Amino acid sequence: MKKSTIAIIGALIIAVCAGGAYHAHQVKIKAMQDEGVTQLMASVDTGLYREAEQKEIEKILKSTEDSIRKSKDQTEIDTLVADASAKFNVMKTDTEYTKEEGVAKLKESIDPELYREAEKKEIKKILKSTEKAIGETKNQAEIDALIKKASAQFAELKTDAEYTAEEEAAAAAAAAAAKKSSKKKSSGSKGCVGTGSDVFN
């Protein structure tokens, strides 16, 4: 066999081997990218968010997936997934918004400044315990029920104006009673009045 033929065969073998190695490398990169995209998609549940957040999440998912598909480095892919996850984590879920709205509604249902110190303390306790209960639930109906219960407790408390009206009414009643009593005493002290000559005439 001529040397040139041997050289050609050798070059072909090398080319086939190189082609096989390149193909194997491409398969490995594709698998790495696929795994990165799988991790990306698993890092967020879009169903937990409201429409505005869902749209933002979709944008992040698309741009991150595009970057992953262009990458050939595992560390870079891991960083892309971690960065996207960090963005998702700072977004509020529908449940978080619902709880915040519930707490805001609770606080709007009462103005502590209308009450006296004892009632203010009671209001603070009710607000604190109700807010804690809202934080522990994920159900809108339960949140509404907690707010309703707190509102009923607030309704049982007297405002400063109500106390003042009661005190003024009590003071007026006491004054009227004292005046009436005073009139009775003055009318009871009147006796028989006259001169000595009236008696003998």
Protein backbone atom coordinates (compact mmCIF):
# COMPACT_ATOMS: atom_id res chain seq x y z
CA MET A 1 0.00 0.00 0.00
CA LYS A 2 1.35 3.34 -0.97
CA LYS A 3 2.35 5.78 1.75
CA SER A 4 -0.13 8.35 0.45
CA THR A 5 -2.96 5.85 0.76
CA ILE A 6 -1.93 5.03 4.32
CA ALA A 7 -1.79 8.72 5.14
CA ILE A 8 -5.26 9.29 3.72
CA ILE A 9 -6.67 6.36 5.70
CA GLY A 10 -4.95 7.65 8.84
CA ALA A 11 -6.36 11.11 8.30
CA LEU A 12 -9.82 9.66 7.82
CA ILE A 13 -9.54 7.65 11.02
CA ILE A 14 -8.39 10.73 12.89
CA ALA A 15 -11.25 12.74 11.39
CA VAL A 16 -13.79 10.08 12.36
CA CYS A 17 -12.42 9.93 15.87
CA ALA A 18 -12.42 13.72 16.13
CA GLY A 19 -15.95 13.86 14.75
CA GLY A 20 -17.06 11.28 17.29
CA ALA A 21 -15.42 13.19 20.13
CA TYR A 22 -17.02 16.44 18.94
CA HIS A 23 -20.43 14.77 18.72
CA ALA A 24 -20.01 13.29 22.19
CA HIS A 25 -19.02 16.72 23.53
CA GLN A 26 -22.07 18.33 21.92
CA VAL A 27 -24.34 15.67 23.43
CA LYS A 28 -22.82 16.35 26.84
CA ILE A 29 -23.36 20.13 26.49
CA LYS A 30 -26.96 19.59 25.33
CA ALA A 31 -27.64 17.35 28.36
CA MET A 32 -26.09 19.97 30.65
CA GLN A 33 -28.27 22.71 29.12
CA ASP A 34 -31.40 20.54 29.34
CA GLU A 35 -30.72 19.88 33.03
CA GLY A 36 -30.22 23.60 33.62
CA VAL A 37 -33.55 24.43 31.94
CA THR A 38 -35.28 21.70 33.98
CA GLN A 39 -33.90 23.19 37.22
CA LEU A 40 -34.93 26.66 36.07
CA MET A 41 -38.53 25.62 35.41
CA ALA A 42 -38.69 23.74 38.73
CA SER A 43 -37.52 26.82 40.66
CA VAL A 44 -40.89 28.60 40.37
CA ASP A 45 -44.60 27.77 40.34
CA THR A 46 -46.25 30.50 38.25
CA GLY A 47 -49.68 29.40 39.51
CA LEU A 48 -48.87 30.88 42.94
CA TYR A 49 -48.60 34.40 41.55
CA ARG A 50 -50.92 37.11 40.28
CA GLU A 51 -51.13 38.09 36.62
CA ALA A 52 -48.55 40.92 36.73
CA GLU A 53 -45.99 38.66 38.44
CA GLN A 54 -46.77 35.78 36.08
CA LYS A 55 -45.92 37.97 33.08
CA GLU A 56 -42.65 39.05 34.68
CA ILE A 57 -41.79 35.43 35.54
CA GLU A 58 -42.43 34.34 31.94
CA LYS A 59 -40.00 37.01 30.70
CA ILE A 60 -37.31 35.89 33.17
CA LEU A 61 -37.83 32.22 32.25
CA LYS A 62 -37.52 32.92 28.53
CA SER A 63 -34.44 35.14 28.74
CA THR A 64 -32.73 32.77 31.20
CA GLU A 65 -33.48 29.71 29.05
CA ASP A 66 -32.04 31.51 26.01
CA SER A 67 -28.86 32.26 27.98
CA ILE A 68 -28.64 28.64 29.18
CA ARG A 69 -28.97 27.34 25.61
CA LYS A 70 -26.04 29.55 24.57
CA SER A 71 -23.84 28.51 27.47
CA LYS A 72 -21.35 25.64 27.40
CA ASP A 73 -20.22 26.05 31.00
CA GLN A 74 -21.83 24.28 33.97
CA THR A 75 -20.89 27.01 36.47
CA GLU A 76 -22.39 29.68 34.23
CA ILE A 77 -25.61 27.68 33.86
CA ASP A 78 -25.83 27.17 37.63
CA THR A 79 -25.37 30.93 38.13
CA LEU A 80 -28.09 31.74 35.58
CA VAL A 81 -30.55 29.43 37.38
CA ALA A 82 -29.62 30.84 40.81
CA ASP A 83 -30.02 34.44 39.60
CA ALA A 84 -33.47 33.70 38.15
CA SER A 85 -34.52 31.94 41.39
CA ALA A 86 -33.41 34.97 43.41
CA LYS A 87 -35.63 37.21 41.25
CA PHE A 88 -38.60 34.88 41.77
CA ASN A 89 -38.04 34.83 45.54
CA VAL A 90 -38.45 38.60 45.90
CA MET A 91 -41.78 38.55 44.06
CA LYS A 92 -44.91 38.41 46.19
CA THR A 93 -47.26 35.48 45.73
CA ASP A 94 -51.02 35.83 45.55
CA THR A 95 -51.22 34.50 49.13
CA GLU A 96 -48.75 37.11 50.38
CA TYR A 97 -50.72 39.89 48.70
CA THR A 98 -53.95 38.51 50.18
CA LYS A 99 -52.47 38.51 53.69
CA GLU A 100 -51.13 42.05 53.30
CA GLU A 101 -54.51 43.24 52.05
CA GLY A 102 -56.21 41.49 54.98
CA VAL A 103 -53.93 43.19 57.53
CA ALA A 104 -54.48 46.58 55.84
CA LYS A 105 -58.25 46.05 55.91
CA LEU A 106 -58.04 45.06 59.59
CA LYS A 107 -56.13 48.23 60.50
CA GLU A 108 -58.52 50.38 58.48
CA SER A 109 -61.46 48.99 60.47
CA ILE A 110 -60.40 50.80 63.66
CA ASP A 111 -58.97 54.18 64.67
CA PRO A 112 -57.27 53.73 68.07
CA GLU A 113 -57.05 57.50 68.52
CA LEU A 114 -60.81 57.63 69.12
CA TYR A 115 -60.40 55.58 72.30
CA ARG A 116 -59.02 56.00 75.81
CA GLU A 117 -55.82 54.37 77.04
CA ALA A 118 -57.40 51.16 78.40
CA GLU A 119 -59.26 50.60 75.13
CA LYS A 120 -56.16 51.44 73.07
CA LYS A 121 -54.28 48.65 74.86
CA GLU A 122 -57.11 46.21 74.16
CA ILE A 123 -57.22 47.26 70.50
CA LYS A 124 -53.47 46.71 70.22
CA LYS A 125 -53.85 43.17 71.61
CA ILE A 126 -56.70 42.36 69.20
CA LEU A 127 -54.75 43.75 66.22
CA LYS A 128 -51.62 41.80 67.15
CA SER A 129 -53.37 38.46 67.64
CA THR A 130 -55.53 38.87 64.52
CA GLU A 131 -52.55 39.88 62.38
CA LYS A 132 -50.68 36.79 63.61
CA ALA A 133 -53.66 34.58 62.74
CA ILE A 134 -53.88 36.14 59.26
CA GLY A 135 -50.18 35.38 58.77
CA GLU A 136 -50.77 31.72 59.57
CA THR A 137 -53.67 31.18 57.15
CA LYS A 138 -53.72 30.86 53.36
CA ASN A 139 -57.46 31.05 52.91
CA GLN A 140 -59.29 34.25 51.91
CA ALA A 141 -62.51 33.14 53.66
CA GLU A 142 -60.60 32.57 56.91
CA ILE A 143 -58.97 35.99 56.64
CA ASP A 144 -62.38 37.61 56.12
CA ALA A 145 -63.74 35.72 59.15
CA LEU A 146 -60.80 36.87 61.32
CA ILE A 147 -61.37 40.52 60.30
CA LYS A 148 -65.09 40.19 61.02
CA LYS A 149 -64.37 38.75 64.47
CA ALA A 150 -61.91 41.56 65.28
CA SER A 151 -64.40 44.20 64.08
CA ALA A 152 -67.04 42.74 66.40
CA GLN A 153 -64.58 42.97 69.32
CA PHE A 154 -63.82 46.59 68.44
CA ALA A 155 -67.54 47.37 68.33
CA GLU A 156 -67.87 46.29 71.97
CA LEU A 157 -65.35 48.91 73.09
CA LYS A 158 -66.54 52.40 74.01
CA THR A 159 -64.93 55.40 72.37
CA ASP A 160 -63.72 58.43 74.30
CA ALA A 161 -66.73 60.36 72.93
CA GLU A 162 -69.12 57.70 74.23
CA TYR A 163 -67.51 57.74 77.68
CA THR A 164 -67.63 61.56 77.70
CA ALA A 165 -71.33 61.57 76.75
CA GLU A 166 -72.07 59.05 79.53
CA GLU A 167 -70.09 61.09 82.06
CA GLU A 168 -71.83 64.32 81.05
CA ALA A 169 -75.24 62.65 81.26
CA ALA A 170 -74.39 61.25 84.71
CA ALA A 171 -73.15 64.68 85.87
CA ALA A 172 -76.32 66.36 84.56
CA ALA A 173 -78.49 63.76 86.30
CA ALA A 174 -76.57 64.22 89.55
CA ALA A 175 -76.94 68.01 89.30
CA ALA A 176 -80.68 67.70 88.64
CA ALA A 177 -81.07 65.36 91.61
CA ALA A 178 -79.13 67.74 93.85
CA LYS A 179 -81.29 70.69 92.75
CA LYS A 180 -84.47 68.73 93.39
CA SER A 181 -83.25 67.73 96.84
CA SER A 182 -82.35 71.32 97.63
CA LYS A 183 -85.86 72.53 96.70
CA LYS A 184 -87.46 69.95 99.01
CA LYS A 185 -85.32 71.07 101.93
CA SER A 186 -86.10 74.76 101.45
CA SER A 187 -89.88 74.17 101.17
CA GLY A 188 -89.88 71.90 104.26
CA SER A 189 -88.27 74.55 106.48
CA LYS A 190 -91.18 77.04 106.05
CA GLY A 191 -93.39 77.12 109.31
CA CYS A 192 -96.11 79.26 110.86
CA VAL A 193 -95.14 82.91 110.56
CA GLY A 194 -96.92 85.82 112.30
CA THR A 195 -96.82 88.38 115.09
CA GLY A 196 -97.86 87.97 118.71
CA SER A 197 -100.81 90.30 118.20
CA ASP A 198 -102.19 88.05 115.48
CA VAL A 199 -102.52 85.30 118.00
CA PHE A 200 -104.55 87.37 120.49
CA ASN A 201 -106.69 89.25 117.98
